[in-house]
Amino acid sequence: MARPLRIEYPGAWHHVMNRGQGKRQIFLTENDRISFLNLIGDASEMFSLKVYAYSLMDNHYHLLIHTPSGNLGRAMRHINGVYTQRFNYFHGSDGSLFRGRYKARIVESEEYLLELVRYIHLNPVKGGLTNHPGEHRWTSHSAYIREKYRPKWLSTAEVLDRFGKNKRSALSALNQFVQAGVPEHLLSLLEEENILVGSRGFREWIYENFMDNNRHQKEVSKAIRVPRPKLKPTELLQHVAFAYNVPVSSLRKRMRGVENEPYFMACYLLRQILGLSQKEIARWLHCNTVYAVATVQRRFRERLQREKQLQKKVGQLSNSFMTHVKT
């Protein structure tokens, strides 16, 4: 049987799960749980992870992890491997502790971050371990609402900021949000056996960049690929800046909430005309993540479908670039 597909890239968010082999318990004592959480803390430092939620049940665990370096696999091999060694040593057992490699789903943070936090925090309630998530010490909900239980490595700002800037009111709002429960239509989505949790645009981006693209590049011969201009990225940016009568520096920064059309145009054309990867474009335009680049390109394509004036602008720029085409 083929191993499940692993998708990793800088800036990815993952919902990670693993169970004990044969449904065996993986946490027998309080020290086991402390040891596992300490391992997560060590891994977050070693591999530059950001952990936003966790839930340690008796025979499985859930984690919500952001990977700025795109290295989830290395981190999870360390966590699961070292914990298995410690567990076997202290309990006089041997062999595999977990049923196999961890499961990891790619998550669109903008749409599903809060819902996954709520889902993970409610896991002990669903499992019958408690009536309130805040009463379960080994789930991060108690660490959010009671600072004395909060590990230094637990990242909370990204979640709490969505409930307001006032710390006390944000914690109260988070607590109410979790207690309200996951809506049924989202619960079924979060419990499905799939590797992607996100919008249609997000799923299309993942398929294009990590599931279909490599096969496509192997199958399409060089003889029939679209010719690429000899332009350098700096020259393309200069062309776009000239067309919009803006400084080149404005193409290398993006402000939240501001529709910077020259920036969007440059992002789109670096991909369409020069064929740069999302990672390369992120570097040229000073984007924090490749997903941010993909989001800009998706929104620009949506505008292209609606706006004839924008289509004309793209056509004019593209035609001027093709005078530099490779032969």
Protein backbone atom coordinates (compact mmCIF):
# COMPACT_ATOMS: atom_id res chain seq x y z
CA MET A 1 0.00 0.00 0.00
CA ALA A 2 1.32 3.43 -0.98
CA ARG A 3 2.14 5.81 1.82
CA PRO A 4 -0.18 8.81 2.17
CA LEU A 5 0.94 11.90 0.31
CA ARG A 6 2.94 14.38 2.39
CA ILE A 7 2.71 18.02 1.38
CA GLU A 8 5.14 20.45 2.94
CA TYR A 9 6.02 24.05 2.09
CA PRO A 10 7.21 27.09 4.05
CA GLY A 11 4.29 28.66 5.88
CA ALA A 12 2.02 25.61 5.80
CA TRP A 13 -0.49 24.89 8.55
CA HIS A 14 -1.04 21.24 9.54
CA HIS A 15 -3.60 19.37 11.62
CA VAL A 16 -1.54 16.42 12.89
CA MET A 17 -2.95 13.22 14.45
CA ASN A 18 -1.60 9.86 15.54
CA ARG A 19 -2.96 6.85 17.46
CA GLY A 20 -1.50 4.01 19.42
CA GLN A 21 -0.93 0.75 17.59
CA GLY A 22 -3.97 -1.51 17.99
CA LYS A 23 -5.71 1.34 19.85
CA ARG A 24 -3.30 0.91 22.76
CA GLN A 25 -2.91 3.76 25.22
CA ILE A 26 0.04 6.01 24.47
CA PHE A 27 -0.20 8.01 27.71
CA LEU A 28 -0.31 5.88 30.86
CA THR A 29 0.82 8.39 33.46
CA GLU A 30 0.99 12.12 34.07
CA ASN A 31 4.75 11.96 33.46
CA ASP A 32 4.09 10.51 29.99
CA ARG A 33 1.98 13.53 29.08
CA ILE A 34 4.52 15.96 30.52
CA SER A 35 7.29 14.22 28.59
CA PHE A 36 5.32 14.45 25.33
CA LEU A 37 4.56 18.17 25.81
CA ASN A 38 8.21 18.83 26.64
CA LEU A 39 9.15 17.09 23.39
CA ILE A 40 6.80 19.35 21.45
CA GLY A 41 8.47 22.33 23.11
CA ASP A 42 11.93 21.04 22.19
CA ALA A 43 10.83 20.36 18.60
CA SER A 44 9.26 23.80 18.24
CA GLU A 45 12.65 25.31 19.03
CA MET A 46 14.75 22.84 17.03
CA PHE A 47 12.61 23.01 13.90
CA SER A 48 11.17 26.56 14.22
CA LEU A 49 7.59 25.32 14.63
CA LYS A 50 4.65 27.28 15.96
CA VAL A 51 2.14 25.18 17.88
CA TYR A 52 -1.34 26.69 18.28
CA ALA A 53 -3.38 23.85 19.76
CA TYR A 54 -2.93 20.37 21.21
CA SER A 55 -5.02 17.65 22.81
CA LEU A 56 -3.56 14.57 24.48
CA MET A 57 -6.15 11.83 24.80
CA ASP A 58 -5.47 8.35 26.16
CA ASN A 59 -4.75 6.58 22.87
CA HIS A 60 -4.17 9.46 20.43
CA TYR A 61 -3.20 13.10 20.11
CA HIS A 62 -4.05 16.15 17.99
CA LEU A 63 -1.76 19.07 17.13
CA LEU A 64 -2.25 22.27 15.11
CA ILE A 65 1.15 23.33 13.79
CA HIS A 66 2.41 26.15 11.61
CA THR A 67 5.69 25.42 9.80
CA PRO A 68 7.52 28.59 8.64
CA SER A 69 10.35 26.36 7.35
CA GLY A 70 8.16 23.70 5.73
CA ASN A 71 9.73 20.85 7.72
CA LEU A 72 6.88 19.03 9.43
CA GLY A 73 8.20 15.56 8.54
CA ARG A 74 11.52 16.03 10.30
CA ALA A 75 9.85 17.48 13.37
CA MET A 76 7.27 14.69 13.68
CA ARG A 77 9.86 11.95 13.20
CA HIS A 78 11.76 13.46 16.10
CA ILE A 79 8.69 13.78 18.35
CA ASN A 80 7.25 10.32 17.68
CA GLY A 81 10.62 8.55 17.65
CA VAL A 82 12.01 10.03 20.86
CA TYR A 83 8.69 9.64 22.69
CA THR A 84 8.45 5.96 21.70
CA GLN A 85 11.96 5.35 23.05
CA ARG A 86 11.14 7.05 26.34
CA PHE A 87 7.79 5.28 26.68
CA ASN A 88 9.34 1.85 26.08
CA TYR A 89 12.17 2.56 28.52
CA PHE A 90 9.95 3.71 31.40
CA HIS A 91 7.24 1.08 30.89
CA GLY A 92 9.44 -1.90 30.06
CA SER A 93 8.00 -2.41 26.60
CA ASP A 94 9.46 -2.51 23.12
CA GLY A 95 8.50 -2.18 19.48
CA SER A 96 6.25 0.34 17.81
CA LEU A 97 4.04 2.51 19.97
CA PHE A 98 2.10 4.25 17.21
CA ARG A 99 0.04 2.56 14.51
CA GLY A 100 2.21 4.08 11.78
CA ARG A 101 3.29 7.42 10.46
CA TYR A 102 1.30 10.37 11.70
CA LYS A 103 -1.61 11.77 9.70
CA ALA A 104 -1.34 15.39 8.63
CA ARG A 105 -3.84 17.59 6.84
CA ILE A 106 -3.00 20.87 5.15
CA VAL A 107 -5.20 23.64 6.53
CA GLU A 108 -6.16 27.03 5.12
CA SER A 109 -5.52 29.22 8.12
CA GLU A 110 -7.67 32.17 7.07
CA GLU A 111 -10.84 30.09 6.84
CA TYR A 112 -10.40 27.21 9.25
CA LEU A 113 -7.88 28.15 11.94
CA LEU A 114 -10.45 28.96 14.63
CA GLU A 115 -12.65 25.99 13.77
CA LEU A 116 -9.74 23.57 14.10
CA VAL A 117 -8.71 25.10 17.42
CA ARG A 118 -12.29 24.61 18.64
CA TYR A 119 -12.41 21.06 17.28
CA ILE A 120 -9.14 20.11 18.99
CA HIS A 121 -10.13 21.78 22.27
CA LEU A 122 -13.42 19.88 22.33
CA ASN A 123 -11.77 16.50 21.75
CA PRO A 124 -11.73 15.49 25.47
CA VAL A 125 -15.42 16.44 25.74
CA LYS A 126 -16.26 14.28 22.74
CA GLY A 127 -14.16 11.46 24.21
CA GLY A 128 -16.03 11.60 27.52
CA LEU A 129 -13.01 12.68 29.58
CA THR A 130 -14.62 15.89 30.81
CA ASN A 131 -17.72 18.04 30.48
CA HIS A 132 -15.77 21.22 29.83
CA PRO A 133 -12.56 21.59 27.78
CA GLY A 134 -11.10 24.01 30.29
CA GLU A 135 -11.14 21.27 32.93
CA HIS A 136 -8.87 18.99 30.91
CA ARG A 137 -5.29 19.91 31.74
CA TRP A 138 -3.82 18.10 28.74
CA THR A 139 -5.68 20.09 26.10
CA SER A 140 -4.51 23.57 25.17
CA HIS A 141 -7.86 25.18 25.98
CA SER A 142 -6.93 25.20 29.65
CA ALA A 143 -3.55 26.69 28.68
CA TYR A 144 -5.29 29.48 26.78
CA ILE A 145 -7.69 30.49 29.55
CA ARG A 146 -5.34 29.81 32.51
CA GLU A 147 -1.91 31.31 31.97
CA LYS A 148 -0.29 29.20 34.71
CA TYR A 149 -0.87 26.11 32.54
CA ARG A 150 0.46 27.75 29.37
CA PRO A 151 3.77 26.38 28.03
CA LYS A 152 6.17 29.02 26.75
CA TRP A 153 6.20 27.37 23.33
CA LEU A 154 2.42 27.57 22.82
CA SER A 155 1.59 30.32 20.31
CA THR A 156 -1.68 32.05 21.18
CA ALA A 157 -1.54 35.53 19.62
CA GLU A 158 -2.72 34.47 16.14
CA VAL A 159 -5.87 32.96 17.68
CA LEU A 160 -6.62 35.51 20.40
CA ASP A 161 -6.11 38.50 18.09
CA ARG A 162 -9.14 37.34 16.14
CA PHE A 163 -11.28 37.90 19.22
CA GLY A 164 -10.07 41.44 19.90
CA LYS A 165 -7.05 43.31 21.21
CA ASN A 166 -8.14 43.33 24.86
CA LYS A 167 -6.61 40.22 26.41
CA ARG A 168 -9.32 39.53 28.99
CA SER A 169 -12.25 39.99 26.61
CA ALA A 170 -10.46 37.94 23.92
CA LEU A 171 -10.02 35.01 26.33
CA SER A 172 -13.66 35.22 27.35
CA ALA A 173 -14.79 35.32 23.72
CA LEU A 174 -12.59 32.33 22.86
CA ASN A 175 -14.03 30.37 25.76
CA GLN A 176 -17.60 31.11 24.62
CA PHE A 177 -16.69 30.26 21.03
CA VAL A 178 -15.33 26.83 22.01
CA GLN A 179 -18.24 26.03 24.31
CA ALA A 180 -20.71 26.81 21.50
CA GLY A 181 -19.45 23.70 19.71
CA VAL A 182 -18.44 23.02 16.13
CA PRO A 183 -21.36 23.49 13.68
CA GLU A 184 -22.58 20.21 12.16
CA HIS A 185 -21.63 21.08 8.58
CA LEU A 186 -18.08 21.86 9.67
CA LEU A 187 -17.84 18.89 12.00
CA SER A 188 -18.42 16.48 9.14
CA LEU A 189 -15.73 18.25 7.10
CA LEU A 190 -13.17 18.17 9.92
CA GLU A 191 -13.79 14.48 10.58
CA GLU A 192 -13.49 13.37 6.96
CA GLU A 193 -10.49 11.35 5.83
CA ASN A 194 -8.88 13.94 3.58
CA ILE A 195 -5.55 15.71 3.36
CA LEU A 196 -6.89 19.20 2.61
CA VAL A 197 -9.12 21.50 4.64
CA GLY A 198 -9.79 24.75 2.86
CA SER A 199 -11.64 26.74 0.24
CA ARG A 200 -11.90 25.74 -3.41
CA GLY A 201 -9.20 28.24 -4.36
CA PHE A 202 -6.86 26.86 -1.70
CA ARG A 203 -7.44 23.27 -2.80
CA GLU A 204 -6.83 24.21 -6.44
CA TRP A 205 -3.57 25.88 -5.46
CA ILE A 206 -2.41 22.78 -3.59
CA TYR A 207 -3.30 20.48 -6.51
CA GLU A 208 -1.60 22.78 -9.00
CA ASN A 209 1.62 23.15 -7.05
CA PHE A 210 2.05 19.87 -5.19
CA MET A 211 -0.08 17.16 -6.76
CA ASP A 212 -0.39 17.77 -10.52
CA ASN A 213 2.45 20.10 -11.40
CA ASN A 214 5.38 17.68 -11.23
CA ARG A 215 3.61 15.09 -13.34
CA HIS A 216 2.62 17.78 -15.85
CA GLN A 217 6.19 19.00 -16.21
CA LYS A 218 7.43 15.46 -16.91
CA GLU A 219 4.76 14.72 -19.49
CA VAL A 220 4.98 17.94 -21.51
CA SER A 221 7.98 17.91 -23.83
CA LYS A 222 10.23 20.95 -24.19
CA ALA A 223 9.30 21.19 -27.87
CA ILE A 224 5.69 22.15 -27.12
CA ARG A 225 6.15 24.28 -24.01
CA VAL A 226 5.29 27.96 -24.29
CA PRO A 227 8.44 29.96 -25.07
CA ARG A 228 9.72 32.15 -22.23
CA PRO A 229 11.12 35.66 -22.68
CA LYS A 230 14.78 36.30 -21.93
CA LEU A 231 13.70 38.99 -19.49
CA LYS A 232 15.10 38.97 -16.00
CA PRO A 233 12.68 39.45 -13.07
CA THR A 234 14.17 42.90 -12.41
CA GLU A 235 13.42 43.94 -15.99
CA LEU A 236 9.85 42.67 -15.79
CA LEU A 237 9.29 44.66 -12.59
CA GLN A 238 10.70 47.76 -14.28
CA HIS A 239 8.29 47.31 -17.23
CA VAL A 240 5.30 46.99 -14.89
CA ALA A 241 6.40 49.99 -12.81
CA PHE A 242 6.78 52.10 -15.99
CA ALA A 243 3.32 51.03 -17.27
CA TYR A 244 1.70 52.15 -14.02
CA ASN A 245 3.98 55.17 -13.46
CA VAL A 246 4.99 53.96 -9.99
CA PRO A 247 8.41 53.29 -8.42
CA VAL A 248 9.70 49.72 -8.59
CA SER A 249 9.84 49.69 -4.78
CA SER A 250 6.00 49.77 -4.67
CA LEU A 251 5.98 46.38 -6.42
CA ARG A 252 8.02 44.81 -3.65
CA LYS A 253 5.68 45.48 -0.76
CA ARG A 254 2.07 44.69 -0.03
CA MET A 255 -0.13 46.52 2.44
CA ARG A 256 -3.06 44.71 4.05
CA GLY A 257 -6.44 46.00 3.01
CA VAL A 258 -5.00 47.98 0.07
CA GLU A 259 -5.65 46.93 -3.54
CA ASN A 260 -2.22 47.51 -5.08
CA GLU A 261 -2.90 46.67 -8.74
CA PRO A 262 0.70 47.12 -9.94
CA TYR A 263 1.83 44.68 -7.22
CA PHE A 264 -0.87 42.18 -8.22
CA MET A 265 0.07 42.55 -11.89
CA ALA A 266 3.76 41.92 -11.18
CA CYS A 267 2.93 38.87 -9.08
CA TYR A 268 0.74 37.47 -11.85
CA LEU A 269 3.18 38.14 -14.70
CA LEU A 270 6.24 36.74 -12.90
CA ARG A 271 4.36 33.44 -12.90
CA GLN A 272 2.66 33.60 -16.29
CA ILE A 273 5.43 35.19 -18.36
CA LEU A 274 8.67 34.06 -16.70
CA GLY A 275 7.35 30.85 -15.18
CA LEU A 276 8.86 31.52 -11.75
CA SER A 277 7.89 29.24 -8.90
CA GLN A 278 5.76 30.55 -6.04
CA LYS A 279 8.82 30.43 -3.79
CA GLU A 280 10.86 32.51 -6.24
CA ILE A 281 8.06 35.07 -6.58
CA ALA A 282 7.75 35.30 -2.80
CA ARG A 283 11.45 36.16 -2.64
CA TRP A 284 11.26 38.80 -5.39
CA LEU A 285 8.15 40.49 -3.97
CA HIS A 286 9.12 40.15 -0.32
CA CYS A 287 6.09 37.96 0.53
CA ASN A 288 6.13 36.08 3.82
CA THR A 289 4.73 32.83 2.39
CA VAL A 290 4.17 31.11 -0.93
CA TYR A 291 0.48 30.86 -0.05
CA ALA A 292 0.30 34.66 0.09
CA VAL A 293 1.65 34.72 -3.47
CA ALA A 294 -0.92 32.14 -4.59
CA THR A 295 -3.74 34.12 -2.97
CA VAL A 296 -2.73 37.28 -4.84
CA GLN A 297 -2.57 35.39 -8.14
CA ARG A 298 -5.96 33.75 -7.58
CA ARG A 299 -7.63 37.07 -6.79
CA PHE A 300 -5.99 38.68 -9.82
CA ARG A 301 -7.26 35.87 -12.08
CA GLU A 302 -10.77 36.37 -10.71
CA ARG A 303 -10.54 40.09 -11.57
CA LEU A 304 -9.25 39.24 -15.05
CA GLN A 305 -12.39 37.23 -15.76
CA ARG A 306 -14.58 40.23 -14.91
CA GLU A 307 -12.66 43.31 -16.06
CA LYS A 308 -12.01 43.89 -19.77
CA GLN A 309 -9.78 46.88 -19.09
CA LEU A 310 -7.50 44.73 -16.95
CA GLN A 311 -7.44 42.06 -19.67
CA LYS A 312 -6.30 44.71 -22.13
CA LYS A 313 -3.55 45.87 -19.77
CA VAL A 314 -2.25 42.32 -19.32
CA GLY A 315 -2.30 41.80 -23.09
CA GLN A 316 -0.32 44.97 -23.76
CA LEU A 317 2.32 44.11 -21.19
CA SER A 318 2.54 40.49 -22.31
CA ASN A 319 3.00 41.49 -25.96
CA SER A 320 5.80 43.88 -25.05
CA PHE A 321 7.56 41.12 -23.12
CA MET A 322 7.31 38.63 -25.97
CA THR A 323 9.58 40.79 -28.13
CA HIS A 324 12.32 39.36 -25.87
CA VAL A 325 11.26 35.74 -26.40
CA LYS A 326 13.78 32.92 -26.54
CA THR A 327 14.33 31.26 -29.91
